[in-house]
C-alpha cells in the first residue's frame, strides 16, 4: 500500500496552494466554484481520504445530494450514471426508493432535507400531500424531465 495522499500532493497536482486545498476540503466558502471543483476532482482522482484522527464531518461534508426514485432496479443504470457525474463535480449521492408509495415519497423528501439538494425521479403526481411536501421543501430540488444525468446534476448544482 502506497503513501497516503496529502494536501501538498493535491495542491501540487491542482496547481494551487496547500492552504487553498485545506479551505476546499474543510468546506470553506472562500474559494471559487471552478477552483473548488478542480481541487475536489484532483483529490478524488488521487484517492484522498481524510485521516481517521481528524474530527468533524466526513469529507466533503456539505456536498451530499439525495436521489429519490420510484424503483431502484429500473433506475439502476440511470443512478449509476448520475452518481458518476456527481462524483466528477465533487458531490456524493445518497439513494432511496419510494416504491411508488406517496406516503413514503413525502417521508423521503423530508428525511433528505439535510442534504444540499434533491433529485426526484418521477414523483407521484396529483397527490396533495406530495405537492405540500415539495412546496415546503427547504432545499433546492430538480425533477428530471428526460434530460441526461449530467444535465440533471448540473441543473441542481446551479440552484445550490
C-alpha atoms as a PDB file:
ATOM      1  CA  UNK A   1       0.000   0.000   0.000  1.00  0.00           C
ATOM      2  CA  UNK A   2       1.354   3.412  -1.013  1.00  0.00           C
ATOM      3  CA  UNK A   3       1.865   6.566   0.954  1.00  0.00           C
ATOM      4  CA  UNK A   4      -1.383   8.415   1.867  1.00  0.00           C
ATOM      5  CA  UNK A   5      -2.290  11.396  -0.310  1.00  0.00           C
ATOM      6  CA  UNK A   6      -1.712  14.739   1.429  1.00  0.00           C
ATOM      7  CA  UNK A   7      -2.948  18.264   0.795  1.00  0.00           C
ATOM      8  CA  UNK A   8       0.533  19.018  -0.571  1.00  0.00           C
ATOM      9  CA  UNK A   9       0.033  16.315  -3.237  1.00  0.00           C
ATOM     10  CA  UNK A  10      -3.380  17.732  -4.143  1.00  0.00           C
ATOM     11  CA  UNK A  11      -2.062  21.308  -4.229  1.00  0.00           C
ATOM     12  CA  UNK A  12       0.843  20.360  -6.499  1.00  0.00           C
ATOM     13  CA  UNK A  13      -1.414  18.424  -8.903  1.00  0.00           C
ATOM     14  CA  UNK A  14      -4.169  21.083  -8.931  1.00  0.00           C
ATOM     15  CA  UNK A  15      -1.726  23.998  -9.232  1.00  0.00           C
ATOM     16  CA  UNK A  16      -2.949  25.766  -6.100  1.00  0.00           C
ATOM     17  CA  UNK A  17      -1.624  26.471  -2.605  1.00  0.00           C
ATOM     18  CA  UNK A  18      -1.925  23.948   0.251  1.00  0.00           C
ATOM     19  CA  UNK A  19      -3.996  26.468   2.243  1.00  0.00           C
ATOM     20  CA  UNK A  20      -6.500  26.703  -0.622  1.00  0.00           C
ATOM     21  CA  UNK A  21      -6.766  22.898  -0.669  1.00  0.00           C
ATOM     22  CA  UNK A  22      -7.398  22.997   3.076  1.00  0.00           C
ATOM     23  CA  UNK A  23     -10.171  25.578   2.595  1.00  0.00           C
ATOM     24  CA  UNK A  24     -11.852  23.377  -0.012  1.00  0.00           C
ATOM     25  CA  UNK A  25     -11.560  20.133   1.967  1.00  0.00           C
ATOM     26  CA  UNK A  26     -12.927  21.828   5.090  1.00  0.00           C
ATOM     27  CA  UNK A  27     -15.914  23.324   3.260  1.00  0.00           C
ATOM     28  CA  UNK A  28     -14.888  26.994   3.487  1.00  0.00           C
ATOM     29  CA  UNK A  29     -16.756  29.278   1.082  1.00  0.00           C
ATOM     30  CA  UNK A  30     -13.758  31.447   0.211  1.00  0.00           C
ATOM     31  CA  UNK A  31     -13.000  29.515  -2.983  1.00  0.00           C
ATOM     32  CA  UNK A  32     -14.499  29.994  -6.451  1.00  0.00           C
ATOM     33  CA  UNK A  33     -16.703  27.209  -7.828  1.00  0.00           C
ATOM     34  CA  UNK A  34     -14.357  26.220 -10.680  1.00  0.00           C
ATOM     35  CA  UNK A  35     -11.322  26.080  -8.413  1.00  0.00           C
ATOM     36  CA  UNK A  36     -13.291  24.133  -5.780  1.00  0.00           C
ATOM     37  CA  UNK A  37     -14.398  21.602  -8.421  1.00  0.00           C
ATOM     38  CA  UNK A  38     -10.833  21.238  -9.742  1.00  0.00           C
ATOM     39  CA  UNK A  39      -9.412  20.634  -6.252  1.00  0.00           C
ATOM     40  CA  UNK A  40     -12.138  18.102  -5.355  1.00  0.00           C
ATOM     41  CA  UNK A  41     -11.679  16.295  -8.661  1.00  0.00           C
ATOM     42  CA  UNK A  42      -7.902  16.068  -8.156  1.00  0.00           C
ATOM     43  CA  UNK A  43      -8.413  14.895  -4.569  1.00  0.00           C
ATOM     44  CA  UNK A  44     -10.797  12.185  -5.762  1.00  0.00           C
ATOM     45  CA  UNK A  45      -8.515  11.107  -8.609  1.00  0.00           C
ATOM     46  CA  UNK A  46      -5.544  10.849  -6.252  1.00  0.00           C
ATOM     47  CA  UNK A  47      -7.622   8.840  -3.769  1.00  0.00           C
ATOM     48  CA  UNK A  48      -7.506  11.369  -0.931  1.00  0.00           C
ATOM     49  CA  UNK A  49      -9.057  10.152   2.313  1.00  0.00           C
ATOM     50  CA  UNK A  50      -9.397  12.230   5.448  1.00  0.00           C
ATOM     51  CA  UNK A  51      -7.252  10.828   8.255  1.00  0.00           C
ATOM     52  CA  UNK A  52      -9.165   8.798  10.862  1.00  0.00           C
ATOM     53  CA  UNK A  53      -7.823  11.068  13.595  1.00  0.00           C
ATOM     54  CA  UNK A  54      -9.390  14.186  12.108  1.00  0.00           C
ATOM     55  CA  UNK A  55     -12.628  15.248  13.701  1.00  0.00           C
ATOM     56  CA  UNK A  56     -15.617  16.904  12.150  1.00  0.00           C
ATOM     57  CA  UNK A  57     -17.839  15.842   9.317  1.00  0.00           C
ATOM     58  CA  UNK A  58     -16.737  13.479   6.597  1.00  0.00           C
ATOM     59  CA  UNK A  59     -15.090  14.957   3.505  1.00  0.00           C
ATOM     60  CA  UNK A  60     -16.631  16.759   1.685  1.00  0.00           C
ATOM     61  CA  UNK A  61     -19.294  17.186   4.338  1.00  0.00           C
ATOM     62  CA  UNK A  62     -21.692  19.615   2.774  1.00  0.00           C
ATOM     63  CA  UNK A  63     -21.683  18.107  -0.716  1.00  0.00           C
ATOM     64  CA  UNK A  64     -24.354  15.419  -0.355  1.00  0.00           C
ATOM     65  CA  UNK A  65     -27.316  15.169  -2.728  1.00  0.00           C
ATOM     66  CA  UNK A  66     -30.347  12.973  -2.116  1.00  0.00           C
ATOM     67  CA  UNK A  67     -31.837  10.997  -5.008  1.00  0.00           C
ATOM     68  CA  UNK A  68     -35.363   9.625  -4.691  1.00  0.00           C
ATOM     69  CA  UNK A  69     -36.597   7.158  -7.321  1.00  0.00           C
ATOM     70  CA  UNK A  70     -39.738   5.023  -7.578  1.00  0.00           C
ATOM     71  CA  UNK A  71     -37.821   1.789  -8.179  1.00  0.00           C
ATOM     72  CA  UNK A  72     -34.128   1.020  -7.610  1.00  0.00           C
ATOM     73  CA  UNK A  73     -33.934  -1.850 -10.088  1.00  0.00           C
ATOM     74  CA  UNK A  74     -35.479   0.036 -13.007  1.00  0.00           C
ATOM     75  CA  UNK A  75     -33.437   3.166 -12.321  1.00  0.00           C
ATOM     76  CA  UNK A  76     -30.101   1.420 -11.565  1.00  0.00           C
ATOM     77  CA  UNK A  77     -28.311   2.337 -14.847  1.00  0.00           C
ATOM     78  CA  UNK A  78     -29.532   5.946 -14.631  1.00  0.00           C
ATOM     79  CA  UNK A  79     -28.490   6.190 -10.959  1.00  0.00           C
ATOM     80  CA  UNK A  80     -25.040   4.836 -11.797  1.00  0.00           C
ATOM     81  CA  UNK A  81     -24.555   7.499 -14.495  1.00  0.00           C
ATOM     82  CA  UNK A  82     -25.943  10.170 -12.184  1.00  0.00           C
ATOM     83  CA  UNK A  83     -23.506   9.114  -9.444  1.00  0.00           C
ATOM     84  CA  UNK A  84     -20.556   9.200 -11.833  1.00  0.00           C
ATOM     85  CA  UNK A  85     -21.456  12.733 -12.988  1.00  0.00           C
ATOM     86  CA  UNK A  86     -21.967  13.963  -9.428  1.00  0.00           C
ATOM     87  CA  UNK A  87     -18.678  12.474  -8.216  1.00  0.00           C
ATOM     88  CA  UNK A  88     -16.829  14.206 -11.048  1.00  0.00           C
ATOM     89  CA  UNK A  89     -18.204  17.502  -9.731  1.00  0.00           C
ATOM     90  CA  UNK A  90     -17.275  16.744  -6.116  1.00  0.00           C
ATOM     91  CA  UNK A  91     -20.678  15.556  -4.872  1.00  0.00           C
ATOM     92  CA  UNK A  92     -21.794  12.324  -3.243  1.00  0.00           C
ATOM     93  CA  UNK A  93     -25.254  10.886  -3.790  1.00  0.00           C
ATOM     94  CA  UNK A  94     -27.493   9.068  -1.359  1.00  0.00           C
ATOM     95  CA  UNK A  95     -30.238   6.991  -2.986  1.00  0.00           C
ATOM     96  CA  UNK A  96     -33.655   5.884  -1.742  1.00  0.00           C
ATOM     97  CA  UNK A  97     -36.729   4.345  -3.349  1.00  0.00           C
ATOM     98  CA  UNK A  98     -40.288   5.343  -2.537  1.00  0.00           C
ATOM     99  CA  UNK A  99     -41.598   2.172  -4.238  1.00  0.00           C
ATOM    100  CA  UNK A 100     -44.459   4.175  -5.829  1.00  0.00           C
ATOM    101  CA  UNK A 101     -45.859   4.879  -2.333  1.00  0.00           C
ATOM    102  CA  UNK A 102     -46.793   8.591  -1.987  1.00  0.00           C
ATOM    103  CA  UNK A 103     -46.556   8.435   1.820  1.00  0.00           C
ATOM    104  CA  UNK A 104     -43.001   7.081   1.606  1.00  0.00           C
ATOM    105  CA  UNK A 105     -42.140   9.715  -1.030  1.00  0.00           C
ATOM    106  CA  UNK A 106     -43.217  12.521   1.343  1.00  0.00           C
ATOM    107  CA  UNK A 107     -41.206  10.954   4.159  1.00  0.00           C
ATOM    108  CA  UNK A 108     -38.062  10.739   1.994  1.00  0.00           C
ATOM    109  CA  UNK A 109     -38.355  14.352   0.822  1.00  0.00           C
ATOM    110  CA  UNK A 110     -38.434  15.428   4.463  1.00  0.00           C
ATOM    111  CA  UNK A 111     -35.714  12.955   5.505  1.00  0.00           C
ATOM    112  CA  UNK A 112     -33.318  14.298   2.855  1.00  0.00           C
ATOM    113  CA  UNK A 113     -33.800  17.925   3.925  1.00  0.00           C
ATOM    114  CA  UNK A 114     -30.317  17.863   5.492  1.00  0.00           C
ATOM    115  CA  UNK A 115     -28.642  17.364   2.098  1.00  0.00           C
ATOM    116  CA  UNK A 116     -27.663  20.169  -0.255  1.00  0.00           C
ATOM    117  CA  UNK A 117     -30.278  19.241  -2.818  1.00  0.00           C
ATOM    118  CA  UNK A 118     -32.604  16.575  -4.183  1.00  0.00           C
ATOM    119  CA  UNK A 119     -33.124  14.781  -7.460  1.00  0.00           C
ATOM    120  CA  UNK A 120     -36.695  13.481  -7.556  1.00  0.00           C
ATOM    121  CA  UNK A 121     -37.296  10.987 -10.357  1.00  0.00           C
ATOM    122  CA  UNK A 122     -40.941  10.527 -11.338  1.00  0.00           C
ATOM    123  CA  UNK A 123     -42.557  11.851  -8.143  1.00  0.00           C
ATOM    124  CA  UNK A 124     -46.210  10.962  -7.538  1.00  0.00           C
ATOM    125  CA  UNK A 125     -48.479  13.356  -9.460  1.00  0.00           C
ATOM    126  CA  UNK A 126     -51.769  14.707  -8.198  1.00  0.00           C
ATOM    127  CA  UNK A 127     -51.241  13.748  -4.551  1.00  0.00           C
ATOM    128  CA  UNK A 128     -51.886  16.761  -2.294  1.00  0.00           C
ATOM    129  CA  UNK A 129     -49.540  15.551   0.472  1.00  0.00           C
ATOM    130  CA  UNK A 130     -46.688  15.120  -2.047  1.00  0.00           C
ATOM    131  CA  UNK A 131     -47.326  18.553  -3.517  1.00  0.00           C
ATOM    132  CA  UNK A 132     -47.289  20.032   0.006  1.00  0.00           C
ATOM    133  CA  UNK A 133     -44.024  18.229   0.822  1.00  0.00           C
ATOM    134  CA  UNK A 134     -42.399  19.694  -2.302  1.00  0.00           C
ATOM    135  CA  UNK A 135     -43.777  23.171  -1.638  1.00  0.00           C
ATOM    136  CA  UNK A 136     -42.353  23.043   1.899  1.00  0.00           C
ATOM    137  CA  UNK A 137     -39.021  21.513   0.847  1.00  0.00           C
ATOM    138  CA  UNK A 138     -36.315  23.761   2.347  1.00  0.00           C
ATOM    139  CA  UNK A 139     -33.602  22.768  -0.158  1.00  0.00           C
ATOM    140  CA  UNK A 140     -33.266  23.020  -3.943  1.00  0.00           C
ATOM    141  CA  UNK A 141     -34.598  20.111  -5.980  1.00  0.00           C
ATOM    142  CA  UNK A 142     -34.973  19.074  -9.588  1.00  0.00           C
ATOM    143  CA  UNK A 143     -37.399  16.724 -11.273  1.00  0.00           C
ATOM    144  CA  UNK A 144     -35.640  15.291 -14.348  1.00  0.00           C
ATOM    145  CA  UNK A 145     -37.781  15.577 -17.454  1.00  0.00           C
ATOM    146  CA  UNK A 146     -35.902  13.294 -19.832  1.00  0.00           C
ATOM    147  CA  UNK A 147     -32.523  15.023 -19.702  1.00  0.00           C
ATOM    148  CA  UNK A 148     -29.341  13.007 -19.407  1.00  0.00           C
ATOM    149  CA  UNK A 149     -27.823  12.552 -15.915  1.00  0.00           C
ATOM    150  CA  UNK A 150     -25.057  15.152 -16.231  1.00  0.00           C
ATOM    151  CA  UNK A 151     -27.641  17.799 -17.223  1.00  0.00           C
ATOM    152  CA  UNK A 152     -29.779  16.818 -14.231  1.00  0.00           C
ATOM    153  CA  UNK A 153     -26.884  17.201 -11.776  1.00  0.00           C
ATOM    154  CA  UNK A 154     -25.692  20.470 -13.324  1.00  0.00           C
ATOM    155  CA  UNK A 155     -29.236  21.876 -13.210  1.00  0.00           C
ATOM    156  CA  UNK A 156     -29.429  21.069  -9.481  1.00  0.00           C
ATOM    157  CA  UNK A 157     -25.943  22.389  -8.681  1.00  0.00           C
ATOM    158  CA  UNK A 158     -26.872  25.714 -10.313  1.00  0.00           C
ATOM    159  CA  UNK A 159     -29.668  26.013  -7.721  1.00  0.00           C
ATOM    160  CA  UNK A 160     -27.474  25.131  -4.719  1.00  0.00           C
END
